[in-house]
Amino acid sequence: MNGKKNNIVDCRHARQMILQSFDEGLMGNPAPSLSRHLAGCGSCRSELDKLRLLSGGLQRLPVQDPGDDFRINLLPAVRFKLKSGRSTHPRRDLAWAPSLGLAVL
């Protein structure tokens, strides 16, 4: 569905929806508006297929225990990074923060 200006916006929005679905673990059930777009857009369908393959591969990876040293050193390292204020992209630097809870478990 590339070519017309309106379709480019639609593709951008569709890709945002695809990434949001990936982030929320909803890869198998796209929203109806996204499904309609995907029916006519091979490029966006390809992006969805790639993310589904990635998701499946990640789910098959064995869970590793990072060990006690990781747990002991992680929070102090995060606190130091936050206090140092050296980051030019604080939101991007904390994008991994929700995974911290899983890592510590």
PDB file of N, CA and C in Angstrom:
ATOM      1  N   MET A   1       0.824  -1.191   0.000  1.00  0.00           N
ATOM      2  CA  MET A   1       0.000   0.000   0.000  1.00  0.00           C
ATOM      3  C   MET A   1       0.865   1.250   0.000  1.00  0.00           C
ATOM      4  N   ASN A   2       2.044   1.156  -0.555  1.00  0.00           N
ATOM      5  CA  ASN A   2       2.900   2.316  -0.623  1.00  0.00           C
ATOM      6  C   ASN A   2       2.583   3.100  -1.881  1.00  0.00           C
ATOM      7  N   GLY A   3       2.970   4.356  -1.904  1.00  0.00           N
ATOM      8  CA  GLY A   3       2.769   5.150  -3.100  1.00  0.00           C
ATOM      9  C   GLY A   3       2.050   6.438  -2.794  1.00  0.00           C
ATOM     10  N   LYS A   4       0.836   6.387  -2.318  1.00  0.00           N
ATOM     11  CA  LYS A   4       0.085   7.588  -1.998  1.00  0.00           C
ATOM     12  C   LYS A   4       0.461   8.071  -0.615  1.00  0.00           C
ATOM     13  N   LYS A   5       0.419   9.392  -0.440  1.00  0.00           N
ATOM     14  CA  LYS A   5       0.793   9.971   0.848  1.00  0.00           C
ATOM     15  C   LYS A   5      -0.075   9.421   1.984  1.00  0.00           C
ATOM     16  N   ASN A   6      -1.363   9.287   1.768  1.00  0.00           N
ATOM     17  CA  ASN A   6      -2.251   8.780   2.816  1.00  0.00           C
ATOM     18  C   ASN A   6      -1.894   7.358   3.214  1.00  0.00           C
ATOM     19  N   ASN A   7      -1.478   6.549   2.236  1.00  0.00           N
ATOM     20  CA  ASN A   7      -1.124   5.169   2.540  1.00  0.00           C
ATOM     21  C   ASN A   7       0.163   5.088   3.347  1.00  0.00           C
ATOM     22  N   ILE A   8       1.090   6.014   3.136  1.00  0.00           N
ATOM     23  CA  ILE A   8       2.326   6.020   3.916  1.00  0.00           C
ATOM     24  C   ILE A   8       1.987   6.262   5.379  1.00  0.00           C
ATOM     25  N   VAL A   9       1.079   7.196   5.642  1.00  0.00           N
ATOM     26  CA  VAL A   9       0.651   7.433   7.021  1.00  0.00           C
ATOM     27  C   VAL A   9      -0.002   6.177   7.567  1.00  0.00           C
ATOM     28  N   ASP A  10      -0.820   5.528   6.765  1.00  0.00           N
ATOM     29  CA  ASP A  10      -1.462   4.301   7.202  1.00  0.00           C
ATOM     30  C   ASP A  10      -0.426   3.225   7.545  1.00  0.00           C
ATOM     31  N   CYS A  11       0.608   3.116   6.726  1.00  0.00           N
ATOM     32  CA  CYS A  11       1.656   2.133   6.993  1.00  0.00           C
ATOM     33  C   CYS A  11       2.412   2.487   8.268  1.00  0.00           C
ATOM     34  N   ARG A  12       2.687   3.755   8.460  1.00  0.00           N
ATOM     35  CA  ARG A  12       3.369   4.170   9.693  1.00  0.00           C
ATOM     36  C   ARG A  12       2.526   3.806  10.910  1.00  0.00           C
ATOM     37  N   HIS A  13       1.249   4.127  10.827  1.00  0.00           N
ATOM     38  CA  HIS A  13       0.353   3.817  11.945  1.00  0.00           C
ATOM     39  C   HIS A  13       0.257   2.300  12.138  1.00  0.00           C
ATOM     40  N   ALA A  14       0.169   1.559  11.034  1.00  0.00           N
ATOM     41  CA  ALA A  14       0.084   0.099  11.122  1.00  0.00           C
ATOM     42  C   ALA A  14       1.338  -0.464  11.775  1.00  0.00           C
ATOM     43  N   ARG A  15       2.494   0.046  11.406  1.00  0.00           N
ATOM     44  CA  ARG A  15       3.743  -0.459  12.005  1.00  0.00           C
ATOM     45  C   ARG A  15       3.828  -0.112  13.481  1.00  0.00           C
ATOM     46  N   GLN A  16       3.306   1.037  13.848  1.00  0.00           N
ATOM     47  CA  GLN A  16       3.251   1.381  15.275  1.00  0.00           C
ATOM     48  C   GLN A  16       2.347   0.391  16.012  1.00  0.00           C
ATOM     49  N   MET A  17       1.216   0.063  15.399  1.00  0.00           N
ATOM     50  CA  MET A  17       0.299  -0.897  16.015  1.00  0.00           C
ATOM     51  C   MET A  17       0.938  -2.282  16.112  1.00  0.00           C
ATOM     52  N   ILE A  18       1.707  -2.664  15.084  1.00  0.00           N
ATOM     53  CA  ILE A  18       2.389  -3.958  15.081  1.00  0.00           C
ATOM     54  C   ILE A  18       3.394  -4.004  16.229  1.00  0.00           C
ATOM     55  N   LEU A  19       4.190  -2.948  16.371  1.00  0.00           N
ATOM     56  CA  LEU A  19       5.187  -2.908  17.447  1.00  0.00           C
ATOM     57  C   LEU A  19       4.525  -2.901  18.817  1.00  0.00           C
ATOM     58  N   GLN A  20       3.412  -2.178  18.939  1.00  0.00           N
ATOM     59  CA  GLN A  20       2.688  -2.155  20.211  1.00  0.00           C
ATOM     60  C   GLN A  20       2.153  -3.552  20.534  1.00  0.00           C
ATOM     61  N   SER A  21       1.621  -4.232  19.533  1.00  0.00           N
ATOM     62  CA  SER A  21       1.133  -5.601  19.733  1.00  0.00           C
ATOM     63  C   SER A  21       2.262  -6.516  20.167  1.00  0.00           C
ATOM     64  N   PHE A  22       3.432  -6.346  19.557  1.00  0.00           N
ATOM     65  CA  PHE A  22       4.606  -7.141  19.914  1.00  0.00           C
ATOM     66  C   PHE A  22       4.997  -6.872  21.361  1.00  0.00           C
ATOM     67  N   ASP A  23       5.056  -5.593  21.733  1.00  0.00           N
ATOM     68  CA  ASP A  23       5.424  -5.220  23.098  1.00  0.00           C
ATOM     69  C   ASP A  23       4.440  -5.767  24.125  1.00  0.00           C
ATOM     70  N   GLU A  24       3.180  -5.845  23.759  1.00  0.00           N
ATOM     71  CA  GLU A  24       2.146  -6.296  24.688  1.00  0.00           C
ATOM     72  C   GLU A  24       1.888  -7.800  24.602  1.00  0.00           C
ATOM     73  N   GLY A  25       2.619  -8.494  23.742  1.00  0.00           N
ATOM     74  CA  GLY A  25       2.452  -9.938  23.616  1.00  0.00           C
ATOM     75  C   GLY A  25       1.185 -10.350  22.896  1.00  0.00           C
ATOM     76  N   LEU A  26       0.670  -9.499  22.029  1.00  0.00           N
ATOM     77  CA  LEU A  26      -0.587  -9.779  21.325  1.00  0.00           C
ATOM     78  C   LEU A  26      -0.360 -10.073  19.849  1.00  0.00           C
ATOM     79  N   MET A  27       0.731 -10.714  19.524  1.00  0.00           N
ATOM     80  CA  MET A  27       1.088 -10.910  18.119  1.00  0.00           C
ATOM     81  C   MET A  27       0.069 -11.753  17.348  1.00  0.00           C
ATOM     82  N   GLY A  28      -0.630 -12.645  18.003  1.00  0.00           N
ATOM     83  CA  GLY A  28      -1.548 -13.523  17.303  1.00  0.00           C
ATOM     84  C   GLY A  28      -2.904 -12.916  17.034  1.00  0.00           C
ATOM     85  N   ASN A  29      -3.232 -11.802  17.654  1.00  0.00           N
ATOM     86  CA  ASN A  29      -4.558 -11.217  17.560  1.00  0.00           C
ATOM     87  C   ASN A  29      -4.506  -9.743  17.207  1.00  0.00           C
ATOM     88  N   PRO A  30      -4.195  -9.393  15.956  1.00  0.00           N
ATOM     89  CA  PRO A  30      -4.145  -7.967  15.624  1.00  0.00           C
ATOM     90  C   PRO A  30      -5.533  -7.325  15.671  1.00  0.00           C
ATOM     91  N   ALA A  31      -5.541  -6.042  15.962  1.00  0.00           N
ATOM     92  CA  ALA A  31      -6.792  -5.284  15.993  1.00  0.00           C
ATOM     93  C   ALA A  31      -7.457  -5.333  14.614  1.00  0.00           C
ATOM     94  N   PRO A  32      -8.789  -5.225  14.561  1.00  0.00           N
ATOM     95  CA  PRO A  32      -9.490  -5.285  13.267  1.00  0.00           C
ATOM     96  C   PRO A  32      -8.984  -4.259  12.254  1.00  0.00           C
ATOM     97  N   SER A  33      -8.697  -3.026  12.704  1.00  0.00           N
ATOM     98  CA  SER A  33      -8.210  -2.014  11.763  1.00  0.00           C
ATOM     99  C   SER A  33      -6.843  -2.400  11.206  1.00  0.00           C
ATOM    100  N   LEU A  34      -5.999  -3.015  12.038  1.00  0.00           N
ATOM    101  CA  LEU A  34      -4.695  -3.478  11.562  1.00  0.00           C
ATOM    102  C   LEU A  34      -4.873  -4.647  10.604  1.00  0.00           C
ATOM    103  N   SER A  35      -5.778  -5.554  10.912  1.00  0.00           N
ATOM    104  CA  SER A  35      -6.036  -6.697  10.027  1.00  0.00           C
ATOM    105  C   SER A  35      -6.477  -6.243   8.639  1.00  0.00           C
ATOM    106  N   ARG A  36      -7.326  -5.218   8.600  1.00  0.00           N
ATOM    107  CA  ARG A  36      -7.768  -4.692   7.295  1.00  0.00           C
ATOM    108  C   ARG A  36      -6.589  -4.128   6.523  1.00  0.00           C
ATOM    109  N   HIS A  37      -5.711  -3.404   7.214  1.00  0.00           N
ATOM    110  CA  HIS A  37      -4.554  -2.830   6.537  1.00  0.00           C
ATOM    111  C   HIS A  37      -3.633  -3.939   6.033  1.00  0.00           C
ATOM    112  N   LEU A  38      -3.400  -4.940   6.878  1.00  0.00           N
ATOM    113  CA  LEU A  38      -2.497  -6.023   6.507  1.00  0.00           C
ATOM    114  C   LEU A  38      -3.006  -6.812   5.302  1.00  0.00           C
ATOM    115  N   ALA A  39      -4.329  -6.886   5.149  1.00  0.00           N
ATOM    116  CA  ALA A  39      -4.913  -7.624   4.025  1.00  0.00           C
ATOM    117  C   ALA A  39      -4.481  -7.043   2.682  1.00  0.00           C
ATOM    118  N   GLY A  40      -4.201  -5.740   2.664  1.00  0.00           N
ATOM    119  CA  GLY A  40      -3.825  -5.112   1.399  1.00  0.00           C
ATOM    120  C   GLY A  40      -2.402  -4.595   1.343  1.00  0.00           C
ATOM    121  N   CYS A  41      -1.593  -4.859   2.368  1.00  0.00           N
ATOM    122  CA  CYS A  41      -0.246  -4.290   2.408  1.00  0.00           C
ATOM    123  C   CYS A  41       0.792  -5.377   2.689  1.00  0.00           C
ATOM    124  N   GLY A  42       1.441  -5.822   1.646  1.00  0.00           N
ATOM    125  CA  GLY A  42       2.453  -6.864   1.781  1.00  0.00           C
ATOM    126  C   GLY A  42       3.650  -6.436   2.611  1.00  0.00           C
ATOM    127  N   SER A  43       4.010  -5.182   2.536  1.00  0.00           N
ATOM    128  CA  SER A  43       5.158  -4.680   3.287  1.00  0.00           C
ATOM    129  C   SER A  43       4.913  -4.772   4.791  1.00  0.00           C
ATOM    130  N   CYS A  44       3.760  -4.342   5.235  1.00  0.00           N
ATOM    131  CA  CYS A  44       3.432  -4.409   6.664  1.00  0.00           C
ATOM    132  C   CYS A  44       3.221  -5.851   7.113  1.00  0.00           C
ATOM    133  N   ARG A  45       2.643  -6.684   6.229  1.00  0.00           N
ATOM    134  CA  ARG A  45       2.490  -8.110   6.546  1.00  0.00           C
ATOM    135  C   ARG A  45       3.857  -8.751   6.758  1.00  0.00           C
ATOM    136  N   SER A  46       4.810  -8.359   5.926  1.00  0.00           N
ATOM    137  CA  SER A  46       6.169  -8.878   6.051  1.00  0.00           C
ATOM    138  C   SER A  46       6.786  -8.470   7.388  1.00  0.00           C
ATOM    139  N   GLU A  47       6.563  -7.220   7.801  1.00  0.00           N
ATOM    140  CA  GLU A  47       7.066  -6.765   9.106  1.00  0.00           C
ATOM    141  C   GLU A  47       6.457  -7.581  10.240  1.00  0.00           C
ATOM    142  N   LEU A  48       5.159  -7.829  10.156  1.00  0.00           N
ATOM    143  CA  LEU A  48       4.481  -8.624  11.176  1.00  0.00           C
ATOM    144  C   LEU A  48       5.036 -10.045  11.203  1.00  0.00           C
ATOM    145  N   ASP A  49       5.253 -10.626  10.023  1.00  0.00           N
ATOM    146  CA  ASP A  49       5.795 -11.985   9.952  1.00  0.00           C
ATOM    147  C   ASP A  49       7.186 -12.056  10.583  1.00  0.00           C
ATOM    148  N   LYS A  50       8.012 -11.043  10.335  1.00  0.00           N
ATOM    149  CA  LYS A  50       9.360 -11.017  10.916  1.00  0.00           C
ATOM    150  C   LYS A  50       9.292 -10.944  12.440  1.00  0.00           C
ATOM    151  N   LEU A  51       8.399 -10.114  12.957  1.00  0.00           N
ATOM    152  CA  LEU A  51       8.272 -10.002  14.407  1.00  0.00           C
ATOM    153  C   LEU A  51       7.708 -11.284  15.018  1.00  0.00           C
ATOM    154  N   ARG A  52       6.822 -11.951  14.310  1.00  0.00           N
ATOM    155  CA  ARG A  52       6.294 -13.223  14.808  1.00  0.00           C
ATOM    156  C   ARG A  52       7.408 -14.272  14.876  1.00  0.00           C
ATOM    157  N   LEU A  53       8.275 -14.292  13.852  1.00  0.00           N
ATOM    158  CA  LEU A  53       9.408 -15.219  13.873  1.00  0.00           C
ATOM    159  C   LEU A  53      10.349 -14.900  15.030  1.00  0.00           C
ATOM    160  N   LEU A  54      10.614 -13.619  15.223  1.00  0.00           N
ATOM    161  CA  LEU A  54      11.469 -13.193  16.328  1.00  0.00           C
ATOM    162  C   LEU A  54      10.855 -13.593  17.667  1.00  0.00           C
ATOM    163  N   SER A  55       9.574 -13.338  17.823  1.00  0.00           N
ATOM    164  CA  SER A  55       8.882 -13.669  19.064  1.00  0.00           C
ATOM    165  C   SER A  55       8.942 -15.165  19.340  1.00  0.00           C
ATOM    166  N   GLY A  56       8.690 -15.960  18.318  1.00  0.00           N
ATOM    167  CA  GLY A  56       8.743 -17.411  18.476  1.00  0.00           C
ATOM    168  C   GLY A  56      10.139 -17.883  18.858  1.00  0.00           C
ATOM    169  N   GLY A  57      11.143 -17.301  18.221  1.00  0.00           N
ATOM    170  CA  GLY A  57      12.518 -17.661  18.540  1.00  0.00           C
ATOM    171  C   GLY A  57      12.888 -17.294  19.966  1.00  0.00           C
ATOM    172  N   LEU A  58      12.461 -16.129  20.400  1.00  0.00           N
ATOM    173  CA  LEU A  58      12.751 -15.699  21.772  1.00  0.00           C
ATOM    174  C   LEU A  58      12.064 -16.598  22.791  1.00  0.00           C
ATOM    175  N   GLN A  59      10.855 -17.034  22.474  1.00  0.00           N
ATOM    176  CA  GLN A  59      10.124 -17.895  23.407  1.00  0.00           C
ATOM    177  C   GLN A  59      10.765 -19.269  23.533  1.00  0.00           C
ATOM    178  N   ARG A  60      11.488 -19.692  22.502  1.00  0.00           N
ATOM    179  CA  ARG A  60      12.133 -21.013  22.541  1.00  0.00           C
ATOM    180  C   ARG A  60      13.492 -20.988  23.233  1.00  0.00           C
ATOM    181  N   LEU A  61      14.027 -19.809  23.497  1.00  0.00           N
ATOM    182  CA  LEU A  61      15.325 -19.729  24.157  1.00  0.00           C
ATOM    183  C   LEU A  61      15.228 -20.239  25.588  1.00  0.00           C
ATOM    184  N   PRO A  62      16.240 -20.945  26.040  1.00  0.00           N
ATOM    185  CA  PRO A  62      16.217 -21.403  27.431  1.00  0.00           C
ATOM    186  C   PRO A  62      16.393 -20.217  28.375  1.00  0.00           C
ATOM    187  N   VAL A  63      15.753 -20.297  29.512  1.00  0.00           N
ATOM    188  CA  VAL A  63      15.871 -19.248  30.524  1.00  0.00           C
ATOM    189  C   VAL A  63      17.167 -19.477  31.287  1.00  0.00           C
ATOM    190  N   GLN A  64      17.968 -18.437  31.349  1.00  0.00           N
ATOM    191  CA  GLN A  64      19.246 -18.520  32.040  1.00  0.00           C
ATOM    192  C   GLN A  64      19.168 -17.802  33.379  1.00  0.00           C
ATOM    193  N   ASP A  65      19.794 -18.356  34.384  1.00  0.00           N
ATOM    194  CA  ASP A  65      19.902 -17.688  35.678  1.00  0.00           C
ATOM    195  C   ASP A  65      21.150 -16.822  35.631  1.00  0.00           C
ATOM    196  N   PRO A  66      20.989 -15.507  35.763  1.00  0.00           N
ATOM    197  CA  PRO A  66      22.154 -14.629  35.662  1.00  0.00           C
ATOM    198  C   PRO A  66      23.091 -14.736  36.865  1.00  0.00           C
ATOM    199  N   GLY A  67      22.653 -15.346  37.917  1.00  0.00           N
ATOM    200  CA  GLY A  67      23.505 -15.536  39.083  1.00  0.00           C
ATOM    201  C   GLY A  67      23.378 -14.419  40.093  1.00  0.00           C
ATOM    202  N   ASP A  68      23.903 -14.679  41.276  1.00  0.00           N
ATOM    203  CA  ASP A  68      23.792 -13.715  42.372  1.00  0.00           C
ATOM    204  C   ASP A  68      24.567 -12.436  42.111  1.00  0.00           C
ATOM    205  N   ASP A  69      25.728 -12.520  41.457  1.00  0.00           N
ATOM    206  CA  ASP A  69      26.512 -11.311  41.181  1.00  0.00           C
ATOM    207  C   ASP A  69      25.711 -10.314  40.355  1.00  0.00           C
ATOM    208  N   PHE A  70      24.961 -10.811  39.396  1.00  0.00           N
ATOM    209  CA  PHE A  70      24.143  -9.930  38.566  1.00  0.00           C
ATOM    210  C   PHE A  70      23.106  -9.214  39.427  1.00  0.00           C
ATOM    211  N   ARG A  71      22.419  -9.964  40.260  1.00  0.00           N
ATOM    212  CA  ARG A  71      21.382  -9.378  41.107  1.00  0.00           C
ATOM    213  C   ARG A  71      21.972  -8.361  42.091  1.00  0.00           C
ATOM    214  N   ILE A  72      23.130  -8.674  42.631  1.00  0.00           N
ATOM    215  CA  ILE A  72      23.766  -7.788  43.610  1.00  0.00           C
ATOM    216  C   ILE A  72      24.250  -6.495  42.959  1.00  0.00           C
ATOM    217  N   ASN A  73      24.758  -6.577  41.739  1.00  0.00           N
ATOM    218  CA  ASN A  73      25.371  -5.421  41.075  1.00  0.00           C
ATOM    219  C   ASN A  73      24.429  -4.614  40.203  1.00  0.00           C
ATOM    220  N   LEU A  74      23.305  -5.172  39.811  1.00  0.00           N
ATOM    221  CA  LEU A  74      22.429  -4.497  38.861  1.00  0.00           C
ATOM    222  C   LEU A  74      21.830  -3.209  39.412  1.00  0.00           C
ATOM    223  N   LEU A  75      21.179  -3.277  40.545  1.00  0.00           N
ATOM    224  CA  LEU A  75      20.520  -2.076  41.065  1.00  0.00           C
ATOM    225  C   LEU A  75      21.503  -0.953  41.377  1.00  0.00           C
ATOM    226  N   PRO A  76      22.650  -1.219  41.994  1.00  0.00           N
ATOM    227  CA  PRO A  76      23.603  -0.130  42.183  1.00  0.00           C
ATOM    228  C   PRO A  76      24.070   0.486  40.860  1.00  0.00           C
ATOM    229  N   ALA A  77      24.238  -0.337  39.837  1.00  0.00           N
ATOM    230  CA  ALA A  77      24.655   0.190  38.533  1.00  0.00           C
ATOM    231  C   ALA A  77      23.571   1.081  37.933  1.00  0.00           C
ATOM    232  N   VAL A  78      22.320   0.672  38.067  1.00  0.00           N
ATOM    233  CA  VAL A  78      21.208   1.479  37.553  1.00  0.00           C
ATOM    234  C   VAL A  78      21.130   2.797  38.319  1.00  0.00           C
ATOM    235  N   ARG A  79      21.250   2.731  39.631  1.00  0.00           N
ATOM    236  CA  ARG A  79      21.202   3.959  40.439  1.00  0.00           C
ATOM    237  C   ARG A  79      22.331   4.908  40.047  1.00  0.00           C
ATOM    238  N   PHE A  80      23.527   4.372  39.849  1.00  0.00           N
ATOM    239  CA  PHE A  80      24.664   5.206  39.456  1.00  0.00           C
ATOM    240  C   PHE A  80      24.385   5.882  38.119  1.00  0.00           C
ATOM    241  N   LYS A  81      23.889   5.127  37.162  1.00  0.00           N
ATOM    242  CA  LYS A  81      23.593   5.674  35.830  1.00  0.00           C
ATOM    243  C   LYS A  81      22.565   6.792  35.929  1.00  0.00           C
ATOM    244  N   LEU A  82      21.534   6.586  36.735  1.00  0.00           N
ATOM    245  CA  LEU A  82      20.490   7.601  36.880  1.00  0.00           C
ATOM    246  C   LEU A  82      21.014   8.849  37.583  1.00  0.00           C
ATOM    247  N   LYS A  83      21.858   8.669  38.588  1.00  0.00           N
ATOM    248  CA  LYS A  83      22.389   9.812  39.335  1.00  0.00           C
ATOM    249  C   LYS A  83      23.440  10.576  38.555  1.00  0.00           C
ATOM    250  N   SER A  84      24.164   9.890  37.680  1.00  0.00           N
ATOM    251  CA  SER A  84      25.253  10.543  36.958  1.00  0.00           C
ATOM    252  C   SER A  84      24.728  11.587  35.979  1.00  0.00           C
ATOM    253  N   GLY A  85      23.502  11.390  35.471  1.00  0.00           N
ATOM    254  CA  GLY A  85      22.894  12.362  34.566  1.00  0.00           C
ATOM    255  C   GLY A  85      23.636  12.517  33.258  1.00  0.00           C
ATOM    256  N   ARG A  86      24.442  11.540  32.880  1.00  0.00           N
ATOM    257  CA  ARG A  86      25.225  11.645  31.651  1.00  0.00           C
ATOM    258  C   ARG A  86      24.421  11.305  30.400  1.00  0.00           C
ATOM    259  N   SER A  87      23.276  10.755  30.552  1.00  0.00           N
ATOM    260  CA  SER A  87      22.508  10.314  29.398  1.00  0.00           C
ATOM    261  C   SER A  87      21.864  11.488  28.678  1.00  0.00           C
ATOM    262  N   THR A  88      21.907  11.425  27.356  1.00  0.00           N
ATOM    263  CA  THR A  88      21.205  12.424  26.550  1.00  0.00           C
ATOM    264  C   THR A  88      19.822  11.938  26.161  1.00  0.00           C
ATOM    265  N   HIS A  89      19.532  10.662  26.424  1.00  0.00           N
ATOM    266  CA  HIS A  89      18.235  10.063  26.086  1.00  0.00           C
ATOM    267  C   HIS A  89      17.709   9.259  27.276  1.00  0.00           C
ATOM    268  N   PRO A  90      17.289   9.923  28.359  1.00  0.00           N
ATOM    269  CA  PRO A  90      16.895   9.173  29.552  1.00  0.00           C
ATOM    270  C   PRO A  90      15.725   8.228  29.331  1.00  0.00           C
ATOM    271  N   ARG A  91      14.761   8.598  28.500  1.00  0.00           N
ATOM    272  CA  ARG A  91      13.618   7.690  28.281  1.00  0.00           C
ATOM    273  C   ARG A  91      14.069   6.430  27.562  1.00  0.00           C
ATOM    274  N   ARG A  92      14.917   6.582  26.556  1.00  0.00           N
ATOM    275  CA  ARG A  92      15.403   5.424  25.812  1.00  0.00           C
ATOM    276  C   ARG A  92      16.272   4.547  26.710  1.00  0.00           C
ATOM    277  N   ASP A  93      17.070   5.181  27.578  1.00  0.00           N
ATOM    278  CA  ASP A  93      17.934   4.418  28.469  1.00  0.00           C
ATOM    279  C   ASP A  93      17.132   3.571  29.447  1.00  0.00           C
ATOM    280  N   LEU A  94      15.919   3.991  29.762  1.00  0.00           N
ATOM    281  CA  LEU A  94      15.093   3.239  30.712  1.00  0.00           C
ATOM    282  C   LEU A  94      14.059   2.348  30.030  1.00  0.00           C
ATOM    283  N   ALA A  95      14.127   2.225  28.716  1.00  0.00           N
ATOM    284  CA  ALA A  95      13.152   1.407  27.999  1.00  0.00           C
ATOM    285  C   ALA A  95      13.217  -0.048  28.445  1.00  0.00           C
ATOM    286  N   TRP A  96      14.348  -0.492  28.931  1.00  0.00           N
ATOM    287  CA  TRP A  96      14.531  -1.868  29.376  1.00  0.00           C
ATOM    288  C   TRP A  96      14.059  -2.074  30.817  1.00  0.00           C
ATOM    289  N   ALA A  97      13.728  -0.993  31.520  1.00  0.00           N
ATOM    290  CA  ALA A  97      13.421  -1.075  32.949  1.00  0.00           C
ATOM    291  C   ALA A  97      12.339  -2.110  33.298  1.00  0.00           C
ATOM    292  N   PRO A  98      11.243  -2.251  32.525  1.00  0.00           N
ATOM    293  CA  PRO A  98      10.245  -3.269  32.892  1.00  0.00           C
ATOM    294  C   PRO A  98      10.826  -4.687  32.909  1.00  0.00           C
ATOM    295  N   SER A  99      11.846  -4.917  32.111  1.00  0.00           N
ATOM    296  CA  SER A  99      12.477  -6.240  32.086  1.00  0.00           C
ATOM    297  C   SER A  99      13.286  -6.487  33.349  1.00  0.00           C
ATOM    298  N   LEU A 100      13.604  -5.432  34.058  1.00  0.00           N
ATOM    299  CA  LEU A 100      14.383  -5.568  35.277  1.00  0.00           C
ATOM    300  C   LEU A 100      13.679  -6.480  36.278  1.00  0.00           C
ATOM    301  N   GLY A 101      12.390  -6.323  36.414  1.00  0.00           N
ATOM    302  CA  GLY A 101      11.636  -7.164  37.341  1.00  0.00           C
ATOM    303  C   GLY A 101      11.740  -8.631  36.980  1.00  0.00           C
ATOM    304  N   LEU A 102      11.705  -8.941  35.698  1.00  0.00           N
ATOM    305  CA  LEU A 102      11.826 -10.325  35.272  1.00  0.00           C
ATOM    306  C   LEU A 102      13.236 -10.848  35.519  1.00  0.00           C
ATOM    307  N   ALA A 103      14.217 -10.003  35.286  1.00  0.00           N
ATOM    308  CA  ALA A 103      15.601 -10.429  35.474  1.00  0.00           C
ATOM    309  C   ALA A 103      15.907 -10.720  36.927  1.00  0.00           C
ATOM    310  N   VAL A 104      15.332  -9.945  37.828  1.00  0.00           N
ATOM    311  CA  VAL A 104      15.616 -10.104  39.237  1.00  0.00           C
ATOM    312  C   VAL A 104      14.924 -11.342  39.793  1.00  0.00           C
ATOM    313  N   LEU A 105      13.774 -11.690  39.203  1.00  0.00           N
ATOM    314  CA  LEU A 105      13.061 -12.893  39.661  1.00  0.00           C
ATOM    315  C   LEU A 105      13.889 -14.089  39.329  1.00  0.00           C
TER     316      LEU A 105
END
